[in-house]
Amino acid sequence: GFMSATLGKLEISGSTLRILEIGSYAGASLLTWVNAAHRLLEGDCIITCIDPWGDAGTDLYNDSIRKNLKSTRTYEVFCHNASLGPENIQILPIRGTSANLLPTFEDSKFDLIYIDGSHHYADVLFDSVECSRLLRPGGIICGDDLELQLSQCDSEFIKRNKKLDYVRDPKSGEYFHPGVTLAVGEYFGRVSCFSGFWAMQSTLNGFEKV
């Protein structure tokens, strides 16, 4: 619901809406974007999906996800899900890491960017910086797995554990992704957040809450 509402808030500058998704895995979030675009848009939509779908970066995840990524099954499921959309929505899967691929894209290319790849601090910060360049004015950058904002946490604990995926915050007692919390908090400050889904809108003067 939050993802669909985010897309519905956009004012499309051209005839084609361009979405970038970082971290697609088996395509569940892709189907959400496709469904929202089909219901809310009259024109065409191009969704570019970045994911290694292989050995690269598998050390970032738990054993189950690592096993699926190293096999072909996850990419096969993604391709199946990508084939379910209507003709006016084009899916462009690109295999690789965001660190290698994002610098190759031109400025202000996308209307909406969804960050849901690596949870490590350095990766989330890199994705945030690069995606800010890739987002057109008025576009929205959003992501997942922000259970706690930086102001809600023990900052020293976060800094010590920023390379871990999922830990328990000693201040609140809640489990969260410290790398996501630290990177988003440092780069954007306090963001609009809805049950872990966060979003900020680009303006001529920087970013503002959605």
Protein backbone atom coordinates (compact mmCIF):
# COMPACT_ATOMS: atom_id res chain seq x y z
CA GLY A 1 0.00 0.00 0.00
CA PHE A 2 2.81 2.44 0.84
CA MET A 3 4.62 1.64 -2.41
CA SER A 4 1.48 2.17 -4.49
CA ALA A 5 0.72 5.45 -2.70
CA THR A 6 4.27 6.65 -3.37
CA LEU A 7 3.94 6.01 -7.09
CA GLY A 8 0.53 7.70 -7.11
CA LYS A 9 2.05 10.87 -5.62
CA LEU A 10 4.36 11.39 -8.60
CA GLU A 11 3.69 13.98 -11.27
CA ILE A 12 5.00 12.39 -14.45
CA SER A 13 7.12 14.80 -16.49
CA GLY A 14 6.97 12.82 -19.72
CA SER A 15 4.91 10.14 -21.40
CA THR A 16 6.92 7.30 -19.82
CA LEU A 17 7.44 6.70 -16.11
CA ARG A 18 10.92 5.38 -15.30
CA ILE A 19 11.49 3.34 -12.14
CA LEU A 20 14.81 1.98 -10.85
CA GLU A 21 14.76 -0.91 -8.41
CA ILE A 22 17.97 -1.88 -6.59
CA GLY A 23 17.65 -5.39 -5.22
CA SER A 24 14.91 -7.37 -6.95
CA TYR A 25 15.56 -10.94 -5.74
CA ALA A 26 12.57 -13.03 -6.93
CA GLY A 27 10.45 -10.10 -8.07
CA ALA A 28 7.88 -9.62 -5.30
CA SER A 29 8.45 -5.86 -5.04
CA LEU A 30 8.62 -5.67 -8.84
CA LEU A 31 5.10 -7.10 -9.04
CA THR A 32 3.96 -4.40 -6.62
CA TRP A 33 5.36 -1.64 -8.84
CA VAL A 34 3.89 -3.28 -11.94
CA ASN A 35 0.46 -3.58 -10.34
CA ALA A 36 0.54 0.02 -9.12
CA ALA A 37 1.68 1.36 -12.48
CA HIS A 38 -1.01 -0.62 -14.28
CA ARG A 39 -3.74 0.79 -12.02
CA LEU A 40 -2.53 4.38 -11.69
CA LEU A 41 -0.86 5.26 -14.99
CA GLU A 42 -2.27 5.83 -18.43
CA GLY A 43 1.04 5.86 -20.28
CA ASP A 44 4.04 3.56 -20.51
CA CYS A 45 6.37 2.52 -17.73
CA ILE A 46 9.94 1.18 -17.79
CA ILE A 47 11.23 -0.57 -14.67
CA THR A 48 15.00 -1.17 -14.53
CA CYS A 49 15.94 -3.89 -12.02
CA ILE A 50 19.47 -4.27 -10.67
CA ASP A 51 20.47 -7.46 -8.86
CA PRO A 52 23.52 -9.76 -9.00
CA TRP A 53 21.34 -12.91 -9.20
CA GLY A 54 24.45 -14.95 -8.57
CA ASP A 55 27.53 -15.28 -6.39
CA ALA A 56 28.35 -11.55 -6.15
CA GLY A 57 27.45 -10.14 -2.76
CA THR A 58 25.93 -13.35 -1.39
CA ASP A 59 28.03 -13.03 1.78
CA LEU A 60 25.70 -10.22 2.83
CA TYR A 61 22.74 -12.53 3.37
CA ASN A 62 21.62 -15.47 5.49
CA ASP A 63 22.23 -19.10 4.48
CA SER A 64 18.82 -19.60 2.86
CA ILE A 65 18.99 -16.51 0.63
CA ARG A 66 22.66 -17.18 -0.15
CA LYS A 67 21.80 -20.69 -1.36
CA ASN A 68 18.96 -19.41 -3.56
CA LEU A 69 21.10 -16.65 -5.07
CA LYS A 70 23.89 -19.06 -5.96
CA SER A 71 21.44 -21.33 -7.77
CA THR A 72 19.43 -20.31 -10.82
CA ARG A 73 16.05 -20.66 -9.13
CA THR A 74 15.72 -17.07 -7.88
CA TYR A 75 16.44 -15.54 -11.28
CA GLU A 76 14.06 -18.01 -12.94
CA VAL A 77 11.28 -16.98 -10.56
CA PHE A 78 12.08 -13.32 -11.18
CA CYS A 79 11.85 -13.80 -14.95
CA HIS A 80 8.51 -15.54 -14.54
CA ASN A 81 7.16 -12.71 -12.40
CA ALA A 82 8.55 -10.10 -14.82
CA SER A 83 6.58 -11.74 -17.64
CA LEU A 84 3.22 -11.22 -15.93
CA GLY A 85 2.85 -7.47 -16.53
CA PRO A 86 0.86 -5.73 -19.27
CA GLU A 87 2.42 -4.67 -22.56
CA ASN A 88 2.79 -1.01 -21.63
CA ILE A 89 5.14 -1.89 -18.74
CA GLN A 90 8.64 -2.91 -19.82
CA ILE A 91 11.00 -4.73 -17.43
CA LEU A 92 14.76 -4.32 -17.91
CA PRO A 93 16.74 -6.69 -15.64
CA ILE A 94 20.47 -5.94 -15.36
CA ARG A 95 22.69 -8.44 -13.55
CA GLY A 96 25.36 -6.82 -11.42
CA THR A 97 25.96 -4.84 -8.25
CA SER A 98 24.80 -1.28 -7.74
CA ALA A 99 28.42 -0.26 -7.08
CA ASN A 100 29.34 -1.23 -10.63
CA LEU A 101 26.14 -0.24 -12.42
CA LEU A 102 24.83 3.00 -10.91
CA PRO A 103 27.81 5.14 -12.07
CA THR A 104 27.04 4.13 -15.66
CA PHE A 105 23.56 5.75 -15.66
CA GLU A 106 22.98 9.34 -16.75
CA ASP A 107 21.83 12.10 -14.38
CA SER A 108 18.12 12.66 -13.68
CA LYS A 109 17.14 9.50 -15.51
CA PHE A 110 14.48 8.12 -13.16
CA ASP A 111 11.17 9.31 -11.70
CA LEU A 112 11.20 6.86 -8.79
CA ILE A 113 14.06 4.87 -7.25
CA TYR A 114 13.59 2.03 -4.76
CA ILE A 115 16.63 0.94 -2.69
CA ASP A 116 16.33 -2.59 -1.29
CA GLY A 117 19.71 -4.23 -1.93
CA SER A 118 22.58 -4.65 0.50
CA HIS A 119 21.90 -3.56 4.08
CA HIS A 120 25.55 -2.76 4.83
CA TYR A 121 26.20 0.86 5.74
CA ALA A 122 28.72 1.63 2.98
CA ASP A 123 26.46 0.09 0.32
CA VAL A 124 23.31 1.90 1.44
CA LEU A 125 25.19 5.20 1.63
CA PHE A 126 26.66 4.69 -1.85
CA ASP A 127 23.24 3.82 -3.26
CA SER A 128 21.70 6.90 -1.63
CA VAL A 129 24.33 9.27 -2.99
CA GLU A 130 24.30 7.84 -6.51
CA CYS A 131 20.52 7.61 -6.67
CA SER A 132 20.20 11.26 -5.67
CA ARG A 133 22.11 12.06 -8.85
CA LEU A 134 19.95 9.74 -10.92
CA LEU A 135 16.64 11.11 -9.66
CA ARG A 136 14.88 13.88 -11.58
CA PRO A 137 13.63 16.97 -9.68
CA GLY A 138 10.25 16.11 -8.22
CA GLY A 139 11.06 12.40 -8.21
CA ILE A 140 10.91 10.17 -5.17
CA ILE A 141 13.65 8.03 -3.65
CA CYS A 142 12.47 5.32 -1.28
CA GLY A 143 13.57 2.07 0.31
CA ASP A 144 12.82 -0.68 2.74
CA ASP A 145 14.07 -2.07 6.08
CA LEU A 146 14.21 1.17 8.08
CA GLU A 147 12.70 -0.17 11.28
CA LEU A 148 14.32 2.55 13.43
CA GLN A 149 15.51 6.03 12.52
CA LEU A 150 18.90 7.25 13.68
CA SER A 151 17.47 9.57 16.33
CA GLN A 152 15.72 6.61 17.96
CA CYS A 153 18.86 4.54 18.47
CA ASP A 154 22.10 4.35 20.41
CA SER A 155 24.41 5.98 17.86
CA GLU A 156 27.59 4.39 19.23
CA PHE A 157 26.02 0.93 19.07
CA ILE A 158 25.02 1.54 15.46
CA LYS A 159 28.50 2.66 14.45
CA ARG A 160 30.04 -0.45 16.01
CA ASN A 161 27.58 -2.73 14.22
CA LYS A 162 27.05 -0.96 10.89
CA LYS A 163 28.44 -3.91 8.91
CA LEU A 164 25.94 -6.35 10.40
CA ASP A 165 22.65 -7.13 8.72
CA TYR A 166 20.08 -7.41 11.50
CA VAL A 167 20.59 -6.80 15.22
CA ARG A 168 18.72 -5.84 18.39
CA ASP A 169 18.96 -2.22 19.49
CA PRO A 170 19.85 -2.04 23.22
CA LYS A 171 18.06 1.31 23.61
CA SER A 172 14.63 0.33 22.26
CA GLY A 173 14.87 -3.46 22.36
CA GLU A 174 13.74 -3.65 18.72
CA TYR A 175 15.46 -5.57 15.94
CA PHE A 176 16.61 -3.42 13.04
CA HIS A 177 19.10 -3.03 10.17
CA PRO A 178 21.87 -0.78 11.57
CA GLY A 179 23.49 -0.11 8.19
CA VAL A 180 20.23 1.16 6.74
CA THR A 181 19.47 3.29 9.79
CA LEU A 182 22.93 4.90 9.86
CA ALA A 183 23.25 5.57 6.12
CA VAL A 184 19.73 6.96 5.67
CA GLY A 185 20.04 9.05 8.83
CA GLU A 186 23.41 10.51 7.90
CA TYR A 187 22.49 11.33 4.31
CA PHE A 188 18.84 12.37 4.49
CA GLY A 189 18.27 13.08 8.17
CA ARG A 190 14.85 12.16 9.47
CA VAL A 191 12.75 10.73 6.64
CA SER A 192 9.12 9.86 6.04
CA CYS A 193 8.77 6.29 7.28
CA PHE A 194 5.85 3.87 7.26
CA SER A 195 6.39 0.45 8.87
CA GLY A 196 9.97 0.28 7.60
CA PHE A 197 9.24 1.74 4.15
CA TRP A 198 10.87 5.18 3.84
CA ALA A 199 10.60 7.89 1.19
CA MET A 200 11.88 11.39 0.34
CA GLN A 201 11.00 13.67 -2.57
CA SER A 202 13.56 15.62 -4.58
CA THR A 203 13.14 19.39 -4.85
CA LEU A 204 15.27 22.20 -6.24
CA ASN A 205 16.48 22.83 -2.68
CA GLY A 206 17.23 19.23 -1.72
CA PHE A 207 14.95 16.56 -0.31
CA GLU A 208 11.74 16.91 1.65
CA LYS A 209 9.45 14.44 3.41
CA VAL A 210 6.63 12.78 1.52
